[in-house]
């Protein structure tokens, strides 16, 4: 099962980071990576089952959100190669927040999926590193 894990310390409280990440329909904190985020369907962005279309190509669904544990899980249902539904299945992304030194927050972004190819590893890693960089920059 291919996977990738990235992490970054963000100079903000867990509550502040949670506030930016918890609305699945709002990626305004990452304008250089998430050029567009379109709500799909009637489910609100804070609710399990929320769907979005990122950059016109990534079809994603919020599968879990838990403020008590500061965690979010989502699936990629389809996307461009190498994460298209023909190339990967059971894609699960997890964002976990935890305390870091001096009131900062450690943000860990993990993803795993089923595939016969490792092509999506580098692709996903690069995107998530860029998203974490954008998230950290949004607090400066």
Protein backbone atom coordinates (compact mmCIF):
# COMPACT_ATOMS: atom_id res chain seq x y z
CA UNK A 1 0.00 0.00 0.00
CA UNK A 2 1.70 3.21 -1.14
CA UNK A 3 1.69 6.12 1.30
CA UNK A 4 3.26 9.46 2.08
CA UNK A 5 3.69 11.44 5.28
CA UNK A 6 4.60 15.09 5.70
CA UNK A 7 4.67 17.34 8.73
CA UNK A 8 5.33 20.94 9.60
CA UNK A 9 5.30 23.04 12.75
CA UNK A 10 2.98 26.00 12.32
CA UNK A 11 3.44 29.04 14.52
CA UNK A 12 -0.17 29.22 15.71
CA UNK A 13 -2.37 27.56 18.30
CA UNK A 14 -4.13 24.28 17.54
CA UNK A 15 -7.47 26.08 17.68
CA UNK A 16 -6.31 28.68 15.15
CA UNK A 17 -4.98 25.99 12.79
CA UNK A 18 -8.15 23.94 13.25
CA UNK A 19 -10.24 27.00 12.34
CA UNK A 20 -8.43 27.27 8.99
CA UNK A 21 -8.54 23.57 8.14
CA UNK A 22 -11.91 22.44 9.47
CA UNK A 23 -14.11 23.91 6.73
CA UNK A 24 -13.67 21.41 3.90
CA UNK A 25 -15.05 23.94 1.41
CA UNK A 26 -12.55 26.69 2.28
CA UNK A 27 -9.00 26.44 1.01
CA UNK A 28 -8.41 30.20 0.89
CA UNK A 29 -5.40 29.69 3.18
CA UNK A 30 -3.57 28.02 0.25
CA UNK A 31 -4.10 30.36 -2.71
CA UNK A 32 -0.96 29.27 -4.58
CA UNK A 33 -1.86 25.57 -4.45
CA UNK A 34 -5.66 25.44 -4.29
CA UNK A 35 -6.61 27.80 -7.11
CA UNK A 36 -10.27 26.83 -6.83
CA UNK A 37 -12.44 24.89 -4.40
CA UNK A 38 -16.00 24.24 -5.51
CA UNK A 39 -18.63 22.85 -3.16
CA UNK A 40 -20.36 19.77 -4.58
CA UNK A 41 -23.77 18.82 -3.23
CA UNK A 42 -25.74 20.13 -0.28
CA UNK A 43 -23.63 18.94 2.69
CA UNK A 44 -21.90 21.78 4.56
CA UNK A 45 -18.12 22.07 4.73
CA UNK A 46 -17.93 21.16 8.43
CA UNK A 47 -19.96 17.97 8.03
CA UNK A 48 -18.96 14.41 7.18
CA UNK A 49 -20.03 13.72 3.61
CA UNK A 50 -19.05 17.19 2.36
CA UNK A 51 -17.74 17.03 -1.19
CA UNK A 52 -15.49 19.41 -3.08
CA UNK A 53 -13.79 19.80 -6.42
CA UNK A 54 -10.27 21.20 -6.06
CA UNK A 55 -8.65 22.93 -9.01
CA UNK A 56 -11.34 21.47 -11.25
CA UNK A 57 -9.79 17.97 -11.10
CA UNK A 58 -9.63 16.54 -7.55
CA UNK A 59 -12.97 15.06 -6.41
CA UNK A 60 -12.78 14.71 -2.62
CA UNK A 61 -15.11 13.73 0.23
CA UNK A 62 -14.80 14.56 3.94
CA UNK A 63 -15.04 11.20 5.73
CA UNK A 64 -14.25 12.20 9.34
CA UNK A 65 -13.81 15.36 11.35
CA UNK A 66 -13.15 15.40 15.09
CA UNK A 67 -12.34 18.62 16.93
CA UNK A 68 -11.79 16.60 20.12
CA UNK A 69 -8.76 14.89 18.56
CA UNK A 70 -8.01 17.65 16.04
CA UNK A 71 -8.18 15.23 13.12
CA UNK A 72 -9.66 15.29 9.64
CA UNK A 73 -9.95 12.42 7.16
CA UNK A 74 -10.99 12.61 3.54
CA UNK A 75 -10.97 10.51 0.41
CA UNK A 76 -9.87 11.36 -3.08
CA UNK A 77 -12.57 9.83 -5.23
CA UNK A 78 -11.03 10.78 -8.57
CA UNK A 79 -8.37 13.08 -9.91
CA UNK A 80 -5.71 13.50 -12.54
CA UNK A 81 -3.08 10.88 -13.18
CA UNK A 82 -1.50 9.40 -11.07
CA UNK A 83 -4.42 9.59 -8.58
CA UNK A 84 -7.25 8.87 -10.99
CA UNK A 85 -9.83 6.28 -9.96
CA UNK A 86 -8.39 4.00 -12.64
CA UNK A 87 -4.94 4.14 -10.99
CA UNK A 88 -5.69 4.27 -7.26
CA UNK A 89 -8.46 3.15 -4.94
CA UNK A 90 -9.29 3.57 -1.28
CA UNK A 91 -7.36 6.85 -1.08
CA UNK A 92 -7.46 8.17 2.49
CA UNK A 93 -5.87 11.42 3.58
CA UNK A 94 -5.51 12.29 7.26
CA UNK A 95 -4.59 15.61 8.84
CA UNK A 96 -3.66 15.43 12.52
CA UNK A 97 -2.85 18.39 14.75
CA UNK A 98 -0.86 18.10 17.97
CA UNK A 99 0.86 20.53 20.33
CA UNK A 100 4.39 21.69 19.58
CA UNK A 101 6.78 23.87 21.58
CA UNK A 102 5.93 27.46 22.52
CA UNK A 103 2.23 27.19 21.65
CA UNK A 104 2.85 26.16 18.06
CA UNK A 105 1.10 23.26 16.31
CA UNK A 106 2.53 20.20 14.61
CA UNK A 107 0.50 19.41 11.50
CA UNK A 108 0.92 15.89 10.14
CA UNK A 109 -0.56 15.06 6.73
CA UNK A 110 -0.65 11.38 5.84
CA UNK A 111 -2.18 9.61 2.90
CA UNK A 112 -2.38 6.02 1.74
CA UNK A 113 -4.10 4.18 -1.08
CA UNK A 114 -4.20 0.97 -3.05
CA UNK A 115 -2.34 0.89 -6.35
CA UNK A 116 -0.05 -1.26 -8.42
CA UNK A 117 2.15 1.79 -8.98
CA UNK A 118 4.24 4.06 -6.77
CA UNK A 119 3.74 7.02 -9.16
CA UNK A 120 1.33 8.84 -6.83
CA UNK A 121 3.81 8.93 -3.93
CA UNK A 122 5.97 11.76 -5.25
CA UNK A 123 2.97 13.53 -6.76
CA UNK A 124 1.06 13.59 -3.47
CA UNK A 125 4.12 14.33 -1.37
CA UNK A 126 4.87 17.46 -3.39
CA UNK A 127 1.30 18.73 -3.14
CA UNK A 128 1.09 18.19 0.62
CA UNK A 129 4.46 19.82 1.29
CA UNK A 130 3.27 22.86 -0.69
CA UNK A 131 -0.04 22.91 1.22
CA UNK A 132 1.75 22.75 4.57
CA UNK A 133 4.05 25.59 3.49
CA UNK A 134 0.99 27.66 2.51
CA UNK A 135 -0.71 26.87 5.80
CA UNK A 136 2.33 28.00 7.80
CA UNK A 137 2.67 31.16 5.68
CA UNK A 138 -0.98 32.02 6.29
CA UNK A 139 -0.08 32.71 9.95
CA UNK A 140 2.82 35.08 9.28
